[in-house]
Amino acid sequence: MPCEIQMAQGGPLGLRRELCARNIRWAAEHGFLHEHTVGPLPSVLYRADEYGRHGNFYPASYSRILDNPGWRRRLAKTHTTARRHLLSHDAERCELDSCNSSDALLMNIFCHPNVSSPNSTLRSFLSISPNVRFVFGHRPRVPMMNGRVDCTELDLCAGDLLIEAKLTEGDFQTARWELPRRYRDFDVVFDSDLLPGDTRRLYGYQLVRGILAAFADETSRYCLLCDQRRSDLIDLWFRVQSAIRRCDQRWRCILVTWQELSQTIPMPLRIWLLEKYGIASPTLDSTSDSIGRSNALEHSIQY
């Protein structure tokens, strides 16, 4: 099925448009079981077919996810708008079925057997110890002013590294200033005058909360994973990071793009990411698209 793909330009709508075009073509070319949401920018939601194939997951990663009870539970995360936006009105569709799911992209990479192995290049790149397990949907304990803790959810915990993954999400959430000031260490860690926002609201509340979760432990680090096509998120990240008071804490917060991360993973998975998501490392640009589709991708999508 021919489908023109326009490369995303700097924001969520452009990236969603590109992912939509890629996945309409992807699902049709490979015969994956799927359906579309309604609206001017339809998303593609996949589901497993009778052969055990799932169009939103790389086969080797999907097999590992199904074999790991903790990882498999993540697949059941409810898609909150499926009932309203799918023609089938199927309320049982799951968030990780969506082609826009950053959680699915995260698991496709980190659950790959070569990537999760003790001495993988990705572990070295992110300074993750060989014996550390990957925990998706981790809930750290963030101290609050009233003595309680906030068990906010982060996408992945890999030892001392807490990871937040973003793909087509609109922003990092906006909140009234009263909300971040509920946290015990907010004014210790951040100079609020330097944080992005206006007189009433903080922009980047999710980043602030995640960084405070990492800093609740003296040795933990925080990593934002996002697409290099999302210049809006990257700009906001650096504004939040620059508001951290202490330099020795600032270095514990890192930004890594999916494109940078793709350089650390096996070549068949790299080509799969290029074809399905348009994520290209310097060694796999858009000119490699036809090469990947004609050889390495052909065997990488088979079980």
C-alpha atoms as a PDB file:
ATOM      1  CA  MET A   1       0.000   0.000   0.000  1.00  0.00           C
ATOM      2  CA  PRO A   2       1.758   3.183  -1.107  1.00  0.00           C
ATOM      3  CA  CYS A   3       1.869   5.904   1.495  1.00  0.00           C
ATOM      4  CA  GLU A   4       3.756   9.175   1.347  1.00  0.00           C
ATOM      5  CA  ILE A   5       5.782   9.814   4.482  1.00  0.00           C
ATOM      6  CA  GLN A   6       6.704  13.343   5.481  1.00  0.00           C
ATOM      7  CA  MET A   7       9.460  13.684   8.039  1.00  0.00           C
ATOM      8  CA  ALA A   8       8.449  15.219  11.375  1.00  0.00           C
ATOM      9  CA  GLN A   9       9.459  18.769  12.145  1.00  0.00           C
ATOM     10  CA  GLY A  10      10.070  19.690  15.774  1.00  0.00           C
ATOM     11  CA  GLY A  11       6.731  18.981  17.467  1.00  0.00           C
ATOM     12  CA  PRO A  12       4.244  16.288  18.492  1.00  0.00           C
ATOM     13  CA  LEU A  13       1.804  16.754  15.593  1.00  0.00           C
ATOM     14  CA  GLY A  14       4.496  16.390  12.952  1.00  0.00           C
ATOM     15  CA  LEU A  15       5.843  13.231  14.574  1.00  0.00           C
ATOM     16  CA  ARG A  16       2.371  11.744  15.007  1.00  0.00           C
ATOM     17  CA  ARG A  17       1.648  12.408  11.359  1.00  0.00           C
ATOM     18  CA  GLU A  18       4.846  10.644  10.309  1.00  0.00           C
ATOM     19  CA  LEU A  19       4.250   7.670  12.614  1.00  0.00           C
ATOM     20  CA  CYS A  20       0.684   7.361  11.363  1.00  0.00           C
ATOM     21  CA  ALA A  21       1.827   7.213   7.735  1.00  0.00           C
ATOM     22  CA  ARG A  22       4.609   4.760   8.502  1.00  0.00           C
ATOM     23  CA  ASN A  23       2.380   2.408  10.466  1.00  0.00           C
ATOM     24  CA  ILE A  24      -0.501   2.414   7.997  1.00  0.00           C
ATOM     25  CA  ARG A  25       2.025   1.250   5.414  1.00  0.00           C
ATOM     26  CA  TRP A  26       3.763  -1.091   7.864  1.00  0.00           C
ATOM     27  CA  ALA A  27       0.568  -2.874   8.924  1.00  0.00           C
ATOM     28  CA  ALA A  28      -0.654  -3.276   5.347  1.00  0.00           C
ATOM     29  CA  GLU A  29       2.653  -4.507   3.920  1.00  0.00           C
ATOM     30  CA  HIS A  30       3.147  -7.184   6.570  1.00  0.00           C
ATOM     31  CA  GLY A  31      -0.482  -8.144   7.131  1.00  0.00           C
ATOM     32  CA  PHE A  32      -0.533  -7.321  10.834  1.00  0.00           C
ATOM     33  CA  LEU A  33      -3.857  -7.371  12.664  1.00  0.00           C
ATOM     34  CA  HIS A  34      -4.735  -3.733  13.401  1.00  0.00           C
ATOM     35  CA  GLU A  35      -7.351  -0.989  13.358  1.00  0.00           C
ATOM     36  CA  HIS A  36      -7.322   2.807  13.118  1.00  0.00           C
ATOM     37  CA  THR A  37      -8.665   5.479  15.405  1.00  0.00           C
ATOM     38  CA  VAL A  38     -11.085   7.965  13.871  1.00  0.00           C
ATOM     39  CA  GLY A  39     -10.272  11.629  13.374  1.00  0.00           C
ATOM     40  CA  PRO A  40      -8.072  13.844  11.209  1.00  0.00           C
ATOM     41  CA  LEU A  41      -4.867  12.169  12.436  1.00  0.00           C
ATOM     42  CA  PRO A  42      -5.650   8.460  12.897  1.00  0.00           C
ATOM     43  CA  SER A  43      -3.424   6.314  15.048  1.00  0.00           C
ATOM     44  CA  VAL A  44      -2.796   2.627  14.391  1.00  0.00           C
ATOM     45  CA  LEU A  45      -3.523   0.103  17.146  1.00  0.00           C
ATOM     46  CA  TYR A  46      -2.233  -3.440  16.699  1.00  0.00           C
ATOM     47  CA  ARG A  47      -3.186  -6.698  18.342  1.00  0.00           C
ATOM     48  CA  ALA A  48      -1.678 -10.173  18.364  1.00  0.00           C
ATOM     49  CA  ASP A  49      -2.864 -12.453  15.572  1.00  0.00           C
ATOM     50  CA  GLU A  50      -3.447 -16.209  15.497  1.00  0.00           C
ATOM     51  CA  TYR A  51       0.232 -16.785  14.702  1.00  0.00           C
ATOM     52  CA  GLY A  52       1.405 -14.863  17.773  1.00  0.00           C
ATOM     53  CA  ARG A  53       2.636 -11.880  15.752  1.00  0.00           C
ATOM     54  CA  HIS A  54       2.109  -8.361  17.111  1.00  0.00           C
ATOM     55  CA  GLY A  55       2.811  -5.531  14.687  1.00  0.00           C
ATOM     56  CA  ASN A  56       3.840  -3.079  17.396  1.00  0.00           C
ATOM     57  CA  PHE A  57       6.653  -5.277  18.720  1.00  0.00           C
ATOM     58  CA  TYR A  58       9.930  -6.588  17.419  1.00  0.00           C
ATOM     59  CA  PRO A  59       9.585 -10.409  17.470  1.00  0.00           C
ATOM     60  CA  ALA A  60      12.606 -11.227  19.667  1.00  0.00           C
ATOM     61  CA  SER A  61      11.638  -8.512  22.164  1.00  0.00           C
ATOM     62  CA  TYR A  62       7.987  -9.589  22.198  1.00  0.00           C
ATOM     63  CA  SER A  63       8.939 -13.194  22.905  1.00  0.00           C
ATOM     64  CA  ARG A  64      11.060 -12.096  25.879  1.00  0.00           C
ATOM     65  CA  ILE A  65       8.255  -9.883  27.186  1.00  0.00           C
ATOM     66  CA  LEU A  66       5.764 -12.746  27.114  1.00  0.00           C
ATOM     67  CA  ASP A  67       8.205 -15.005  28.967  1.00  0.00           C
ATOM     68  CA  ASN A  68       8.768 -12.491  31.786  1.00  0.00           C
ATOM     69  CA  PRO A  69       5.726 -12.110  34.120  1.00  0.00           C
ATOM     70  CA  GLY A  70       6.733  -8.606  35.254  1.00  0.00           C
ATOM     71  CA  TRP A  71       7.252  -7.353  31.720  1.00  0.00           C
ATOM     72  CA  ARG A  72       4.119  -9.087  30.425  1.00  0.00           C
ATOM     73  CA  ARG A  73       1.926  -7.274  32.963  1.00  0.00           C
ATOM     74  CA  ARG A  74       2.984  -3.999  31.335  1.00  0.00           C
ATOM     75  CA  LEU A  75       1.205  -5.071  28.151  1.00  0.00           C
ATOM     76  CA  ALA A  76      -2.146  -4.856  29.972  1.00  0.00           C
ATOM     77  CA  LYS A  77      -1.859  -1.097  30.588  1.00  0.00           C
ATOM     78  CA  THR A  78      -5.270   0.271  29.544  1.00  0.00           C
ATOM     79  CA  HIS A  79      -5.642   2.568  26.554  1.00  0.00           C
ATOM     80  CA  THR A  80      -7.830   5.272  28.094  1.00  0.00           C
ATOM     81  CA  THR A  81      -9.268   6.719  24.866  1.00  0.00           C
ATOM     82  CA  ALA A  82      -9.689   3.572  22.742  1.00  0.00           C
ATOM     83  CA  ARG A  83     -13.402   3.232  23.465  1.00  0.00           C
ATOM     84  CA  ARG A  84     -14.079   6.754  22.181  1.00  0.00           C
ATOM     85  CA  HIS A  85     -11.738   6.820  19.184  1.00  0.00           C
ATOM     86  CA  LEU A  86     -11.789   3.307  17.720  1.00  0.00           C
ATOM     87  CA  LEU A  87     -14.482   2.310  15.241  1.00  0.00           C
ATOM     88  CA  SER A  88     -14.853  -0.936  17.192  1.00  0.00           C
ATOM     89  CA  HIS A  89     -15.237   1.008  20.492  1.00  0.00           C
ATOM     90  CA  ASP A  90     -13.165  -1.771  22.059  1.00  0.00           C
ATOM     91  CA  ALA A  91     -12.570  -0.736  25.679  1.00  0.00           C
ATOM     92  CA  GLU A  92     -10.112  -3.600  26.170  1.00  0.00           C
ATOM     93  CA  ARG A  93      -7.458  -2.197  23.826  1.00  0.00           C
ATOM     94  CA  CYS A  94      -4.161  -1.506  25.577  1.00  0.00           C
ATOM     95  CA  GLU A  95      -1.876   1.498  25.492  1.00  0.00           C
ATOM     96  CA  LEU A  96       1.133  -0.458  24.249  1.00  0.00           C
ATOM     97  CA  ASP A  97      -0.856  -1.557  21.192  1.00  0.00           C
ATOM     98  CA  SER A  98      -0.618   2.002  19.841  1.00  0.00           C
ATOM     99  CA  CYS A  99       2.016   2.981  17.291  1.00  0.00           C
ATOM    100  CA  ASN A 100       2.473   6.207  19.296  1.00  0.00           C
ATOM    101  CA  SER A 101       3.292   4.427  22.566  1.00  0.00           C
ATOM    102  CA  SER A 102       6.638   5.450  24.040  1.00  0.00           C
ATOM    103  CA  ASP A 103       6.340   2.529  26.490  1.00  0.00           C
ATOM    104  CA  ALA A 104       6.150   0.071  23.588  1.00  0.00           C
ATOM    105  CA  LEU A 105       9.176   1.647  21.920  1.00  0.00           C
ATOM    106  CA  LEU A 106      11.079   1.486  25.208  1.00  0.00           C
ATOM    107  CA  MET A 107      10.294  -2.206  25.692  1.00  0.00           C
ATOM    108  CA  ASN A 108      11.096  -3.072  22.084  1.00  0.00           C
ATOM    109  CA  ILE A 109      14.637  -1.855  22.724  1.00  0.00           C
ATOM    110  CA  PHE A 110      15.364  -2.799  26.336  1.00  0.00           C
ATOM    111  CA  CYS A 111      13.674  -6.224  26.213  1.00  0.00           C
ATOM    112  CA  HIS A 112      15.662  -7.386  23.191  1.00  0.00           C
ATOM    113  CA  PRO A 113      17.766 -10.383  24.297  1.00  0.00           C
ATOM    114  CA  ASN A 114      21.059  -8.866  23.114  1.00  0.00           C
ATOM    115  CA  VAL A 115      20.297  -5.487  24.662  1.00  0.00           C
ATOM    116  CA  SER A 116      19.280  -6.844  28.079  1.00  0.00           C
ATOM    117  CA  SER A 117      22.266  -9.225  28.222  1.00  0.00           C
ATOM    118  CA  PRO A 118      24.865  -8.449  30.932  1.00  0.00           C
ATOM    119  CA  ASN A 119      27.582  -7.049  28.663  1.00  0.00           C
ATOM    120  CA  SER A 120      25.500  -5.271  26.020  1.00  0.00           C
ATOM    121  CA  THR A 121      26.686  -2.083  24.351  1.00  0.00           C
ATOM    122  CA  LEU A 122      23.571  -0.282  25.560  1.00  0.00           C
ATOM    123  CA  ARG A 123      24.378  -1.087  29.187  1.00  0.00           C
ATOM    124  CA  SER A 124      27.872   0.327  28.720  1.00  0.00           C
ATOM    125  CA  PHE A 125      26.523   3.426  26.974  1.00  0.00           C
ATOM    126  CA  LEU A 126      24.131   4.196  29.864  1.00  0.00           C
ATOM    127  CA  SER A 127      26.527   2.961  32.599  1.00  0.00           C
ATOM    128  CA  ILE A 128      24.104   0.237  33.732  1.00  0.00           C
ATOM    129  CA  SER A 129      25.677  -2.579  35.735  1.00  0.00           C
ATOM    130  CA  PRO A 130      25.674  -6.061  34.107  1.00  0.00           C
ATOM    131  CA  ASN A 131      23.597  -7.701  36.841  1.00  0.00           C
ATOM    132  CA  VAL A 132      20.863  -5.053  37.017  1.00  0.00           C
ATOM    133  CA  ARG A 133      17.311  -6.089  36.053  1.00  0.00           C
ATOM    134  CA  PHE A 134      15.055  -3.804  34.032  1.00  0.00           C
ATOM    135  CA  VAL A 135      11.872  -2.857  35.937  1.00  0.00           C
ATOM    136  CA  PHE A 136       9.149  -1.186  33.861  1.00  0.00           C
ATOM    137  CA  GLY A 137       6.556   0.993  35.596  1.00  0.00           C
ATOM    138  CA  HIS A 138       8.800   1.609  38.613  1.00  0.00           C
ATOM    139  CA  ARG A 139       7.353   3.579  41.538  1.00  0.00           C
ATOM    140  CA  PRO A 140      10.069   5.394  43.529  1.00  0.00           C
ATOM    141  CA  ARG A 141       9.284   7.008  46.876  1.00  0.00           C
ATOM    142  CA  VAL A 142       9.552  10.808  46.627  1.00  0.00           C
ATOM    143  CA  PRO A 143       9.576  12.551  50.059  1.00  0.00           C
ATOM    144  CA  MET A 144       6.894  15.214  50.608  1.00  0.00           C
ATOM    145  CA  MET A 145       6.643  18.141  53.020  1.00  0.00           C
ATOM    146  CA  ASN A 146       3.989  16.429  55.166  1.00  0.00           C
ATOM    147  CA  GLY A 147       6.212  13.419  55.826  1.00  0.00           C
ATOM    148  CA  ARG A 148       4.455  11.200  53.325  1.00  0.00           C
ATOM    149  CA  VAL A 149       5.857   9.915  50.042  1.00  0.00           C
ATOM    150  CA  ASP A 150       4.624  10.196  46.466  1.00  0.00           C
ATOM    151  CA  CYS A 151       4.976   6.908  44.588  1.00  0.00           C
ATOM    152  CA  THR A 152       4.905   8.479  41.143  1.00  0.00           C
ATOM    153  CA  GLU A 153       5.470   6.077  38.246  1.00  0.00           C
ATOM    154  CA  LEU A 154       8.551   6.189  36.038  1.00  0.00           C
ATOM    155  CA  ASP A 155       8.815   4.218  32.829  1.00  0.00           C
ATOM    156  CA  LEU A 156      11.947   2.205  33.647  1.00  0.00           C
ATOM    157  CA  CYS A 157      14.311   1.608  36.532  1.00  0.00           C
ATOM    158  CA  ALA A 158      17.691   0.077  35.691  1.00  0.00           C
ATOM    159  CA  GLY A 159      19.602  -0.023  38.955  1.00  0.00           C
ATOM    160  CA  ASP A 160      20.563   3.535  39.839  1.00  0.00           C
ATOM    161  CA  LEU A 161      19.148   4.930  36.585  1.00  0.00           C
ATOM    162  CA  LEU A 162      15.538   6.136  36.372  1.00  0.00           C
ATOM    163  CA  ILE A 163      14.300   6.590  32.795  1.00  0.00           C
ATOM    164  CA  GLU A 164      11.385   8.616  31.447  1.00  0.00           C
ATOM    165  CA  ALA A 165      10.516   7.858  27.806  1.00  0.00           C
ATOM    166  CA  LYS A 166       8.749  10.252  25.432  1.00  0.00           C
ATOM    167  CA  LEU A 167       7.655   9.977  21.819  1.00  0.00           C
ATOM    168  CA  THR A 168       4.555  11.900  20.664  1.00  0.00           C
ATOM    169  CA  GLU A 169       3.373  13.155  24.072  1.00  0.00           C
ATOM    170  CA  GLY A 170       2.450  16.829  23.940  1.00  0.00           C
ATOM    171  CA  ASP A 171       4.583  18.107  26.815  1.00  0.00           C
ATOM    172  CA  PHE A 172       5.900  17.351  30.302  1.00  0.00           C
ATOM    173  CA  GLN A 173       2.672  18.445  32.019  1.00  0.00           C
ATOM    174  CA  THR A 174       1.795  21.858  33.424  1.00  0.00           C
ATOM    175  CA  ALA A 175       0.926  22.286  37.094  1.00  0.00           C
ATOM    176  CA  ARG A 176       0.154  25.000  39.614  1.00  0.00           C
ATOM    177  CA  TRP A 177       3.201  25.976  41.649  1.00  0.00           C
ATOM    178  CA  GLU A 178       1.590  24.547  44.780  1.00  0.00           C
ATOM    179  CA  LEU A 179       2.027  21.020  43.435  1.00  0.00           C
ATOM    180  CA  PRO A 180       5.844  20.887  43.079  1.00  0.00           C
ATOM    181  CA  ARG A 181       6.207  22.776  46.368  1.00  0.00           C
ATOM    182  CA  ARG A 182       4.584  19.820  48.137  1.00  0.00           C
ATOM    183  CA  TYR A 183       7.872  17.949  47.701  1.00  0.00           C
ATOM    184  CA  ARG A 184      10.350  18.195  50.544  1.00  0.00           C
ATOM    185  CA  ASP A 185      13.419  18.836  48.395  1.00  0.00           C
ATOM    186  CA  PHE A 186      11.924  21.070  45.708  1.00  0.00           C
ATOM    187  CA  ASP A 187      13.503  24.342  46.882  1.00  0.00           C
ATOM    188  CA  VAL A 188      16.719  22.556  47.848  1.00  0.00           C
ATOM    189  CA  VAL A 189      17.199  21.078  44.370  1.00  0.00           C
ATOM    190  CA  PHE A 190      15.686  23.765  42.118  1.00  0.00           C
ATOM    191  CA  ASP A 191      15.914  27.531  41.778  1.00  0.00           C
ATOM    192  CA  SER A 192      12.238  28.157  41.021  1.00  0.00           C
ATOM    193  CA  ASP A 193      13.032  31.535  39.421  1.00  0.00           C
ATOM    194  CA  LEU A 194      14.898  29.676  36.667  1.00  0.00           C
ATOM    195  CA  LEU A 195      12.267  27.019  36.024  1.00  0.00           C
ATOM    196  CA  PRO A 196      10.034  27.474  32.955  1.00  0.00           C
ATOM    197  CA  GLY A 197       6.550  28.773  33.703  1.00  0.00           C
ATOM    198  CA  ASP A 198       4.515  31.846  34.487  1.00  0.00           C
ATOM    199  CA  THR A 199       3.219  33.392  37.706  1.00  0.00           C
ATOM    200  CA  ARG A 200       0.655  30.613  38.213  1.00  0.00           C
ATOM    201  CA  ARG A 201       2.031  27.495  36.564  1.00  0.00           C
ATOM    202  CA  LEU A 202       5.165  25.411  36.189  1.00  0.00           C
ATOM    203  CA  TYR A 203       5.962  24.010  32.762  1.00  0.00           C
ATOM    204  CA  GLY A 204       7.743  20.658  32.872  1.00  0.00           C
ATOM    205  CA  TYR A 205       6.205  19.383  36.098  1.00  0.00           C
ATOM    206  CA  GLN A 206       6.795  15.747  35.111  1.00  0.00           C
ATOM    207  CA  LEU A 207      10.519  16.383  34.657  1.00  0.00           C
ATOM    208  CA  VAL A 208      10.783  18.143  38.005  1.00  0.00           C
ATOM    209  CA  ARG A 209       8.987  15.294  39.770  1.00  0.00           C
ATOM    210  CA  GLY A 210      11.164  12.654  38.085  1.00  0.00           C
ATOM    211  CA  ILE A 211      14.391  14.443  38.976  1.00  0.00           C
ATOM    212  CA  LEU A 212      13.251  14.757  42.592  1.00  0.00           C
ATOM    213  CA  ALA A 213      12.529  11.010  42.565  1.00  0.00           C
ATOM    214  CA  ALA A 214      16.112  10.328  41.473  1.00  0.00           C
ATOM    215  CA  PHE A 215      17.587  12.761  43.992  1.00  0.00           C
ATOM    216  CA  ALA A 216      15.690  11.147  46.872  1.00  0.00           C
ATOM    217  CA  ASP A 217      18.582   8.676  46.687  1.00  0.00           C
ATOM    218  CA  GLU A 218      22.125  10.040  46.929  1.00  0.00           C
ATOM    219  CA  THR A 219      23.425   7.904  44.070  1.00  0.00           C
ATOM    220  CA  SER A 220      20.521   7.660  41.609  1.00  0.00           C
ATOM    221  CA  ARG A 221      20.516   9.236  38.145  1.00  0.00           C
ATOM    222  CA  TYR A 222      17.750  10.474  35.869  1.00  0.00           C
ATOM    223  CA  CYS A 223      17.526  10.013  32.099  1.00  0.00           C
ATOM    224  CA  LEU A 224      15.082  11.490  29.618  1.00  0.00           C
ATOM    225  CA  LEU A 225      14.716   9.451  26.437  1.00  0.00           C
ATOM    226  CA  CYS A 226      13.090  11.366  23.583  1.00  0.00           C
ATOM    227  CA  ASP A 227      13.190  11.752  19.833  1.00  0.00           C
ATOM    228  CA  GLN A 228      15.648  14.201  18.307  1.00  0.00           C
ATOM    229  CA  ARG A 229      12.745  15.412  16.126  1.00  0.00           C
ATOM    230  CA  ARG A 230      11.116  16.790  19.297  1.00  0.00           C
ATOM    231  CA  SER A 231      13.067  20.033  19.613  1.00  0.00           C
ATOM    232  CA  ASP A 232      10.263  21.412  21.809  1.00  0.00           C
ATOM    233  CA  LEU A 233      10.826  18.744  24.478  1.00  0.00           C
ATOM    234  CA  ILE A 234      14.594  19.040  24.232  1.00  0.00           C
ATOM    235  CA  ASP A 235      14.480  22.823  24.755  1.00  0.00           C
ATOM    236  CA  LEU A 236      12.250  22.405  27.812  1.00  0.00           C
ATOM    237  CA  TRP A 237      14.543  19.714  29.196  1.00  0.00           C
ATOM    238  CA  PHE A 238      17.553  22.031  29.178  1.00  0.00           C
ATOM    239  CA  ARG A 239      15.556  24.820  30.838  1.00  0.00           C
ATOM    240  CA  VAL A 240      14.586  22.489  33.686  1.00  0.00           C
ATOM    241  CA  GLN A 241      18.076  21.007  34.002  1.00  0.00           C
ATOM    242  CA  SER A 242      19.683  24.458  34.155  1.00  0.00           C
ATOM    243  CA  ALA A 243      17.473  25.308  37.152  1.00  0.00           C
ATOM    244  CA  ILE A 244      19.122  22.596  39.285  1.00  0.00           C
ATOM    245  CA  ARG A 245      21.152  24.468  41.882  1.00  0.00           C
ATOM    246  CA  ARG A 246      24.145  22.177  42.340  1.00  0.00           C
ATOM    247  CA  CYS A 247      26.500  21.213  39.539  1.00  0.00           C
ATOM    248  CA  ASP A 248      27.241  17.842  41.155  1.00  0.00           C
ATOM    249  CA  GLN A 249      23.518  17.027  40.870  1.00  0.00           C
ATOM    250  CA  ARG A 250      23.122  18.458  37.385  1.00  0.00           C
ATOM    251  CA  TRP A 251      25.505  15.917  35.870  1.00  0.00           C
ATOM    252  CA  ARG A 252      23.310  13.113  37.238  1.00  0.00           C
ATOM    253  CA  CYS A 253      20.548  14.153  34.792  1.00  0.00           C
ATOM    254  CA  ILE A 254      21.082  13.182  31.166  1.00  0.00           C
ATOM    255  CA  LEU A 255      19.211  13.522  27.887  1.00  0.00           C
ATOM    256  CA  VAL A 256      19.536  10.673  25.370  1.00  0.00           C
ATOM    257  CA  THR A 257      17.699  10.563  22.051  1.00  0.00           C
ATOM    258  CA  TRP A 258      16.264   7.411  20.538  1.00  0.00           C
ATOM    259  CA  GLN A 259      18.563   8.056  17.600  1.00  0.00           C
ATOM    260  CA  GLU A 260      21.647   8.025  19.839  1.00  0.00           C
ATOM    261  CA  LEU A 261      20.441   4.922  21.652  1.00  0.00           C
ATOM    262  CA  SER A 262      19.853   3.109  18.356  1.00  0.00           C
ATOM    263  CA  GLN A 263      23.592   3.135  17.699  1.00  0.00           C
ATOM    264  CA  THR A 264      24.061   0.691  20.588  1.00  0.00           C
ATOM    265  CA  ILE A 265      21.624  -2.013  19.459  1.00  0.00           C
ATOM    266  CA  PRO A 266      21.844  -4.931  16.960  1.00  0.00           C
ATOM    267  CA  MET A 267      21.562  -4.007  13.282  1.00  0.00           C
ATOM    268  CA  PRO A 268      18.276  -5.882  12.527  1.00  0.00           C
ATOM    269  CA  LEU A 269      16.559  -4.006  15.372  1.00  0.00           C
ATOM    270  CA  ARG A 270      18.082  -0.743  14.117  1.00  0.00           C
ATOM    271  CA  ILE A 271      16.611  -1.307  10.670  1.00  0.00           C
ATOM    272  CA  TRP A 272      13.249  -2.214  12.226  1.00  0.00           C
ATOM    273  CA  LEU A 273      13.244   1.107  14.137  1.00  0.00           C
ATOM    274  CA  LEU A 274      14.064   2.987  10.965  1.00  0.00           C
ATOM    275  CA  GLU A 275      11.235   1.378   9.025  1.00  0.00           C
ATOM    276  CA  LYS A 276       8.530   1.579  11.698  1.00  0.00           C
ATOM    277  CA  TYR A 277       9.469   4.761  13.582  1.00  0.00           C
ATOM    278  CA  GLY A 278      11.797   6.660  11.256  1.00  0.00           C
ATOM    279  CA  ILE A 279      14.481   6.499  13.955  1.00  0.00           C
ATOM    280  CA  ALA A 280      17.772   6.662  12.113  1.00  0.00           C
ATOM    281  CA  SER A 281      21.258   6.607  13.598  1.00  0.00           C
ATOM    282  CA  PRO A 282      24.117   8.265  11.640  1.00  0.00           C
ATOM    283  CA  THR A 283      24.910   4.875  10.091  1.00  0.00           C
ATOM    284  CA  LEU A 284      21.280   4.353   9.003  1.00  0.00           C
ATOM    285  CA  ASP A 285      19.771   7.416   7.389  1.00  0.00           C
ATOM    286  CA  SER A 286      16.679   7.576   5.205  1.00  0.00           C
ATOM    287  CA  THR A 287      18.637   6.324   2.178  1.00  0.00           C
ATOM    288  CA  SER A 288      18.995   2.997   3.978  1.00  0.00           C
ATOM    289  CA  ASP A 289      15.206   2.565   4.102  1.00  0.00           C
ATOM    290  CA  SER A 290      14.933   0.520   0.915  1.00  0.00           C
ATOM    291  CA  ILE A 291      17.930  -1.623   1.855  1.00  0.00           C
ATOM    292  CA  GLY A 292      16.419  -2.517   5.219  1.00  0.00           C
ATOM    293  CA  ARG A 293      13.049  -3.372   3.722  1.00  0.00           C
ATOM    294  CA  SER A 294      14.522  -5.643   1.073  1.00  0.00           C
ATOM    295  CA  ASN A 295      16.852  -7.793   3.182  1.00  0.00           C
ATOM    296  CA  ALA A 296      17.546  -7.488   6.920  1.00  0.00           C
ATOM    297  CA  LEU A 297      14.025  -6.354   7.772  1.00  0.00           C
ATOM    298  CA  GLU A 298      12.529  -9.281   5.864  1.00  0.00           C
ATOM    299  CA  HIS A 299      14.017 -11.861   8.205  1.00  0.00           C
ATOM    300  CA  SER A 300      13.826  -9.683  11.328  1.00  0.00           C
ATOM    301  CA  ILE A 301       9.992  -9.645  11.307  1.00  0.00           C
ATOM    302  CA  GLN A 302       9.697 -13.408  11.200  1.00  0.00           C
ATOM    303  CA  TYR A 303       9.400 -15.660  14.275  1.00  0.00           C
END
